[in-house]
Amino acid sequence: MLAKAEMHGTVMLVTVNSKALDASNSGGLKEELKPIVAQHKRLVLDLGQVEFVDSSGLGALLSALRQANSLGGDIKLAQLSRAVRVVVELTRMHRIFEIFESAAAAVQSYEN
């Protein structure tokens, strides 16, 4: 299990339990997220434990976002490490995902 999911009101908080999101595990994360995204319109991905992400990891995140958007939902990212934030900004994905300092702030943002 790469991800732990728990409800916070109307928002599904998914914590990614891996130091890296790369070619070795991004496919597994993508498969774990599919049924979660299919059932919940409001999601937050807590990436606080992730210290490294590569293009396949970013691809898994984008795939989940595309699925959520197609179902009328959204995914927000929380607790990006400095290294992950740099990669997200270099690839301009910060224009696609809303990013928050904490998971609590991301969950709360759905209520506003």
N, C-alpha and C. Protein backbone atom coordinates (compact mmCIF):
# COMPACT_ATOMS: atom_id res chain seq x y z
N MET A 1 0.84 -1.19 0.00
CA MET A 1 0.00 0.00 0.00
C MET A 1 0.88 1.25 0.00
N LEU A 2 0.76 2.03 -1.03
CA LEU A 2 1.50 3.28 -1.11
C LEU A 2 0.71 4.44 -0.52
N ALA A 3 -0.60 4.26 -0.41
CA ALA A 3 -1.43 5.37 0.03
C ALA A 3 -2.39 4.93 1.13
N LYS A 4 -2.61 5.86 2.06
CA LYS A 4 -3.59 5.64 3.13
C LYS A 4 -4.67 6.70 2.95
N ALA A 5 -5.92 6.27 2.86
CA ALA A 5 -7.02 7.20 2.62
C ALA A 5 -7.94 7.28 3.83
N GLU A 6 -8.32 8.51 4.19
CA GLU A 6 -9.27 8.70 5.28
C GLU A 6 -10.13 9.93 5.02
N MET A 7 -11.40 9.82 5.40
CA MET A 7 -12.35 10.92 5.19
C MET A 7 -12.17 12.00 6.25
N HIS A 8 -12.26 13.23 5.79
CA HIS A 8 -12.27 14.41 6.67
C HIS A 8 -13.47 15.23 6.23
N GLY A 9 -14.61 14.98 6.85
CA GLY A 9 -15.85 15.64 6.41
C GLY A 9 -16.21 15.12 5.03
N THR A 10 -16.26 16.03 4.06
CA THR A 10 -16.61 15.64 2.69
C THR A 10 -15.38 15.46 1.81
N VAL A 11 -14.20 15.53 2.42
CA VAL A 11 -12.94 15.47 1.66
C VAL A 11 -12.18 14.17 1.98
N MET A 12 -11.70 13.51 0.94
CA MET A 12 -10.88 12.32 1.11
C MET A 12 -9.41 12.75 1.14
N LEU A 13 -8.75 12.50 2.28
CA LEU A 13 -7.34 12.81 2.43
C LEU A 13 -6.54 11.54 2.15
N VAL A 14 -5.67 11.60 1.15
CA VAL A 14 -4.85 10.45 0.77
C VAL A 14 -3.40 10.78 1.09
N THR A 15 -2.82 10.03 2.03
CA THR A 15 -1.43 10.22 2.41
C THR A 15 -0.57 9.23 1.65
N VAL A 16 0.41 9.74 0.92
CA VAL A 16 1.33 8.88 0.15
C VAL A 16 2.46 8.47 1.09
N ASN A 17 2.57 7.16 1.34
CA ASN A 17 3.56 6.61 2.27
C ASN A 17 4.78 6.08 1.54
N SER A 18 5.55 6.99 0.96
CA SER A 18 6.76 6.58 0.25
C SER A 18 7.71 7.76 0.20
N LYS A 19 9.01 7.48 0.28
CA LYS A 19 10.00 8.56 0.19
C LYS A 19 10.19 9.02 -1.25
N ALA A 20 9.87 8.13 -2.20
CA ALA A 20 10.03 8.47 -3.62
C ALA A 20 8.78 8.11 -4.39
N LEU A 21 8.49 8.92 -5.37
CA LEU A 21 7.41 8.64 -6.31
C LEU A 21 8.09 8.60 -7.67
N ASP A 22 8.44 7.40 -8.11
CA ASP A 22 9.23 7.28 -9.33
C ASP A 22 8.77 6.08 -10.15
N ALA A 23 9.56 5.73 -11.14
CA ALA A 23 9.20 4.64 -12.06
C ALA A 23 8.96 3.32 -11.33
N SER A 24 9.59 3.14 -10.17
CA SER A 24 9.46 1.86 -9.46
C SER A 24 8.09 1.70 -8.79
N ASN A 25 7.40 2.79 -8.49
CA ASN A 25 6.13 2.64 -7.76
C ASN A 25 4.99 3.51 -8.27
N SER A 26 5.23 4.35 -9.27
CA SER A 26 4.17 5.25 -9.74
C SER A 26 2.98 4.50 -10.33
N GLY A 27 3.24 3.39 -10.99
CA GLY A 27 2.14 2.58 -11.54
C GLY A 27 1.25 2.04 -10.43
N GLY A 28 1.88 1.61 -9.34
CA GLY A 28 1.12 1.11 -8.20
C GLY A 28 0.26 2.19 -7.58
N LEU A 29 0.83 3.39 -7.44
CA LEU A 29 0.06 4.51 -6.88
C LEU A 29 -1.11 4.86 -7.78
N LYS A 30 -0.85 4.88 -9.07
CA LYS A 30 -1.91 5.18 -10.05
C LYS A 30 -3.08 4.22 -9.89
N GLU A 31 -2.77 2.93 -9.75
CA GLU A 31 -3.82 1.91 -9.58
C GLU A 31 -4.55 2.06 -8.24
N GLU A 32 -3.81 2.42 -7.18
CA GLU A 32 -4.44 2.61 -5.87
C GLU A 32 -5.37 3.82 -5.88
N LEU A 33 -5.01 4.85 -6.63
CA LEU A 33 -5.81 6.07 -6.64
C LEU A 33 -7.08 5.95 -7.47
N LYS A 34 -7.08 5.10 -8.50
CA LYS A 34 -8.23 5.01 -9.41
C LYS A 34 -9.57 4.79 -8.69
N PRO A 35 -9.69 3.77 -7.83
CA PRO A 35 -10.99 3.57 -7.17
C PRO A 35 -11.33 4.68 -6.16
N ILE A 36 -10.31 5.27 -5.55
CA ILE A 36 -10.54 6.36 -4.60
C ILE A 36 -11.08 7.58 -5.33
N VAL A 37 -10.44 7.92 -6.45
CA VAL A 37 -10.87 9.08 -7.24
C VAL A 37 -12.27 8.83 -7.81
N ALA A 38 -12.56 7.59 -8.19
CA ALA A 38 -13.87 7.27 -8.76
C ALA A 38 -15.00 7.47 -7.76
N GLN A 39 -14.70 7.35 -6.47
CA GLN A 39 -15.74 7.45 -5.44
C GLN A 39 -15.83 8.79 -4.73
N HIS A 40 -14.81 9.64 -4.88
CA HIS A 40 -14.76 10.89 -4.13
C HIS A 40 -14.43 12.07 -5.03
N LYS A 41 -15.22 13.13 -4.94
CA LYS A 41 -15.03 14.30 -5.80
C LYS A 41 -13.99 15.28 -5.24
N ARG A 42 -13.82 15.28 -3.93
CA ARG A 42 -12.90 16.22 -3.29
C ARG A 42 -11.76 15.43 -2.65
N LEU A 43 -10.57 15.60 -3.21
CA LEU A 43 -9.41 14.87 -2.71
C LEU A 43 -8.25 15.79 -2.40
N VAL A 44 -7.49 15.40 -1.38
CA VAL A 44 -6.23 16.04 -1.05
C VAL A 44 -5.17 14.95 -1.03
N LEU A 45 -4.07 15.17 -1.74
CA LEU A 45 -2.94 14.24 -1.69
C LEU A 45 -1.88 14.85 -0.78
N ASP A 46 -1.62 14.19 0.33
CA ASP A 46 -0.59 14.63 1.27
C ASP A 46 0.73 13.99 0.85
N LEU A 47 1.65 14.82 0.36
CA LEU A 47 2.94 14.32 -0.13
C LEU A 47 4.06 14.61 0.87
N GLY A 48 3.71 14.78 2.13
CA GLY A 48 4.68 15.15 3.15
C GLY A 48 5.84 14.18 3.32
N GLN A 49 5.63 12.89 3.02
CA GLN A 49 6.70 11.90 3.19
C GLN A 49 7.54 11.73 1.92
N VAL A 50 7.07 12.31 0.81
CA VAL A 50 7.75 12.15 -0.47
C VAL A 50 8.91 13.14 -0.57
N GLU A 51 10.11 12.61 -0.77
CA GLU A 51 11.30 13.45 -0.87
C GLU A 51 11.82 13.55 -2.31
N PHE A 52 11.34 12.65 -3.18
CA PHE A 52 11.80 12.64 -4.57
C PHE A 52 10.64 12.27 -5.49
N VAL A 53 10.54 12.97 -6.61
CA VAL A 53 9.53 12.63 -7.61
C VAL A 53 10.17 12.77 -8.99
N ASP A 54 9.85 11.83 -9.88
CA ASP A 54 10.35 11.93 -11.25
C ASP A 54 9.16 12.05 -12.20
N SER A 55 9.43 12.01 -13.49
CA SER A 55 8.37 12.24 -14.48
C SER A 55 7.26 11.20 -14.38
N SER A 56 7.58 9.96 -14.06
CA SER A 56 6.52 8.95 -13.95
C SER A 56 5.66 9.19 -12.71
N GLY A 57 6.27 9.70 -11.65
CA GLY A 57 5.50 10.07 -10.46
C GLY A 57 4.56 11.22 -10.75
N LEU A 58 5.07 12.23 -11.47
CA LEU A 58 4.22 13.36 -11.87
C LEU A 58 3.10 12.88 -12.79
N GLY A 59 3.43 11.92 -13.64
CA GLY A 59 2.42 11.36 -14.54
C GLY A 59 1.29 10.68 -13.78
N ALA A 60 1.62 9.99 -12.70
CA ALA A 60 0.59 9.34 -11.88
C ALA A 60 -0.33 10.39 -11.25
N LEU A 61 0.26 11.49 -10.78
CA LEU A 61 -0.55 12.56 -10.19
C LEU A 61 -1.45 13.20 -11.23
N LEU A 62 -0.90 13.45 -12.42
CA LEU A 62 -1.70 14.04 -13.50
C LEU A 62 -2.81 13.12 -13.95
N SER A 63 -2.54 11.84 -14.01
CA SER A 63 -3.55 10.86 -14.40
C SER A 63 -4.72 10.88 -13.41
N ALA A 64 -4.41 10.94 -12.12
CA ALA A 64 -5.46 10.99 -11.10
C ALA A 64 -6.26 12.29 -11.23
N LEU A 65 -5.57 13.40 -11.49
CA LEU A 65 -6.27 14.68 -11.65
C LEU A 65 -7.18 14.66 -12.86
N ARG A 66 -6.70 14.11 -13.97
CA ARG A 66 -7.54 14.01 -15.17
C ARG A 66 -8.79 13.20 -14.90
N GLN A 67 -8.62 12.07 -14.19
CA GLN A 67 -9.77 11.24 -13.85
C GLN A 67 -10.73 12.02 -12.97
N ALA A 68 -10.21 12.70 -11.94
CA ALA A 68 -11.07 13.48 -11.03
C ALA A 68 -11.82 14.56 -11.80
N ASN A 69 -11.12 15.29 -12.64
CA ASN A 69 -11.75 16.37 -13.42
C ASN A 69 -12.84 15.83 -14.34
N SER A 70 -12.61 14.67 -14.93
CA SER A 70 -13.60 14.09 -15.84
C SER A 70 -14.88 13.68 -15.10
N LEU A 71 -14.76 13.48 -13.78
CA LEU A 71 -15.91 13.10 -12.96
C LEU A 71 -16.47 14.31 -12.19
N GLY A 72 -15.97 15.50 -12.52
CA GLY A 72 -16.45 16.71 -11.84
C GLY A 72 -15.78 16.96 -10.50
N GLY A 73 -14.63 16.32 -10.26
CA GLY A 73 -13.93 16.47 -8.99
C GLY A 73 -12.63 17.25 -9.13
N ASP A 74 -11.89 17.31 -8.02
CA ASP A 74 -10.62 18.02 -8.01
C ASP A 74 -9.66 17.34 -7.04
N ILE A 75 -8.37 17.56 -7.27
CA ILE A 75 -7.33 17.06 -6.37
C ILE A 75 -6.42 18.23 -6.03
N LYS A 76 -6.15 18.39 -4.73
CA LYS A 76 -5.23 19.42 -4.27
C LYS A 76 -4.04 18.72 -3.62
N LEU A 77 -2.87 19.34 -3.70
CA LEU A 77 -1.65 18.76 -3.13
C LEU A 77 -1.28 19.48 -1.85
N ALA A 78 -0.71 18.73 -0.91
CA ALA A 78 -0.33 19.32 0.38
C ALA A 78 1.04 18.82 0.84
N GLN A 79 1.72 19.67 1.59
CA GLN A 79 2.98 19.34 2.28
C GLN A 79 4.08 18.87 1.34
N LEU A 80 4.30 19.60 0.26
CA LEU A 80 5.37 19.24 -0.65
C LEU A 80 6.72 19.58 -0.03
N SER A 81 7.65 18.63 -0.09
CA SER A 81 9.01 18.91 0.37
C SER A 81 9.63 19.92 -0.59
N ARG A 82 10.71 20.52 -0.17
CA ARG A 82 11.39 21.51 -1.01
C ARG A 82 11.77 20.91 -2.37
N ALA A 83 12.33 19.70 -2.35
CA ALA A 83 12.76 19.05 -3.59
C ALA A 83 11.59 18.76 -4.52
N VAL A 84 10.49 18.27 -3.96
CA VAL A 84 9.31 17.96 -4.78
C VAL A 84 8.71 19.25 -5.33
N ARG A 85 8.65 20.29 -4.50
CA ARG A 85 8.10 21.58 -4.94
C ARG A 85 8.90 22.13 -6.13
N VAL A 86 10.23 22.00 -6.07
CA VAL A 86 11.08 22.47 -7.17
C VAL A 86 10.71 21.77 -8.47
N VAL A 87 10.55 20.45 -8.42
CA VAL A 87 10.20 19.69 -9.62
C VAL A 87 8.82 20.09 -10.12
N VAL A 88 7.88 20.24 -9.21
CA VAL A 88 6.51 20.64 -9.58
C VAL A 88 6.53 22.01 -10.26
N GLU A 89 7.32 22.94 -9.72
CA GLU A 89 7.39 24.28 -10.31
C GLU A 89 8.14 24.29 -11.63
N LEU A 90 9.22 23.51 -11.74
CA LEU A 90 9.97 23.44 -13.00
C LEU A 90 9.12 22.90 -14.14
N THR A 91 8.23 21.98 -13.81
CA THR A 91 7.35 21.38 -14.82
C THR A 91 6.04 22.16 -14.97
N ARG A 92 5.94 23.26 -14.25
CA ARG A 92 4.77 24.15 -14.27
C ARG A 92 3.49 23.48 -13.80
N MET A 93 3.62 22.40 -13.07
CA MET A 93 2.43 21.71 -12.56
C MET A 93 1.76 22.49 -11.42
N HIS A 94 2.46 23.47 -10.87
CA HIS A 94 1.84 24.30 -9.83
C HIS A 94 0.74 25.18 -10.43
N ARG A 95 0.68 25.25 -11.74
CA ARG A 95 -0.41 25.97 -12.41
C ARG A 95 -1.64 25.07 -12.59
N ILE A 96 -1.44 23.78 -12.45
CA ILE A 96 -2.51 22.81 -12.65
C ILE A 96 -3.10 22.36 -11.31
N PHE A 97 -2.22 22.13 -10.34
CA PHE A 97 -2.63 21.71 -9.01
C PHE A 97 -2.61 22.89 -8.04
N GLU A 98 -3.61 22.96 -7.19
CA GLU A 98 -3.57 23.92 -6.09
C GLU A 98 -2.72 23.28 -4.99
N ILE A 99 -1.77 24.03 -4.43
CA ILE A 99 -0.81 23.49 -3.47
C ILE A 99 -0.94 24.20 -2.13
N PHE A 100 -0.91 23.41 -1.05
CA PHE A 100 -1.07 23.95 0.29
C PHE A 100 0.08 23.51 1.19
N GLU A 101 0.40 24.33 2.19
CA GLU A 101 1.47 24.03 3.14
C GLU A 101 1.11 22.83 4.02
N SER A 102 -0.17 22.69 4.36
CA SER A 102 -0.59 21.59 5.24
C SER A 102 -1.80 20.88 4.66
N ALA A 103 -1.97 19.63 5.06
CA ALA A 103 -3.13 18.86 4.63
C ALA A 103 -4.41 19.50 5.18
N ALA A 104 -4.33 19.98 6.41
CA ALA A 104 -5.51 20.61 7.04
C ALA A 104 -5.97 21.83 6.25
N ALA A 105 -5.03 22.65 5.79
CA ALA A 105 -5.36 23.83 4.99
C ALA A 105 -5.98 23.42 3.66
N ALA A 106 -5.47 22.37 3.05
CA ALA A 106 -6.02 21.89 1.77
C ALA A 106 -7.43 21.37 1.96
N VAL A 107 -7.67 20.59 3.02
CA VAL A 107 -9.01 20.08 3.32
C VAL A 107 -9.96 21.26 3.55
N GLN A 108 -9.52 22.21 4.35
CA GLN A 108 -10.33 23.38 4.69
C GLN A 108 -10.69 24.20 3.45
N SER A 109 -9.79 24.24 2.47
CA SER A 109 -10.02 25.05 1.28
C SER A 109 -11.26 24.61 0.51
N TYR A 110 -11.65 23.35 0.65
CA TYR A 110 -12.85 22.87 -0.03
C TYR A 110 -14.11 23.45 0.61
N GLU A 111 -14.02 23.84 1.86
CA GLU A 111 -15.18 24.37 2.57
C GLU A 111 -15.42 25.83 2.24
N ASN A 112 -14.41 26.51 1.72
CA ASN A 112 -14.54 27.95 1.43
C ASN A 112 -15.17 28.22 0.08
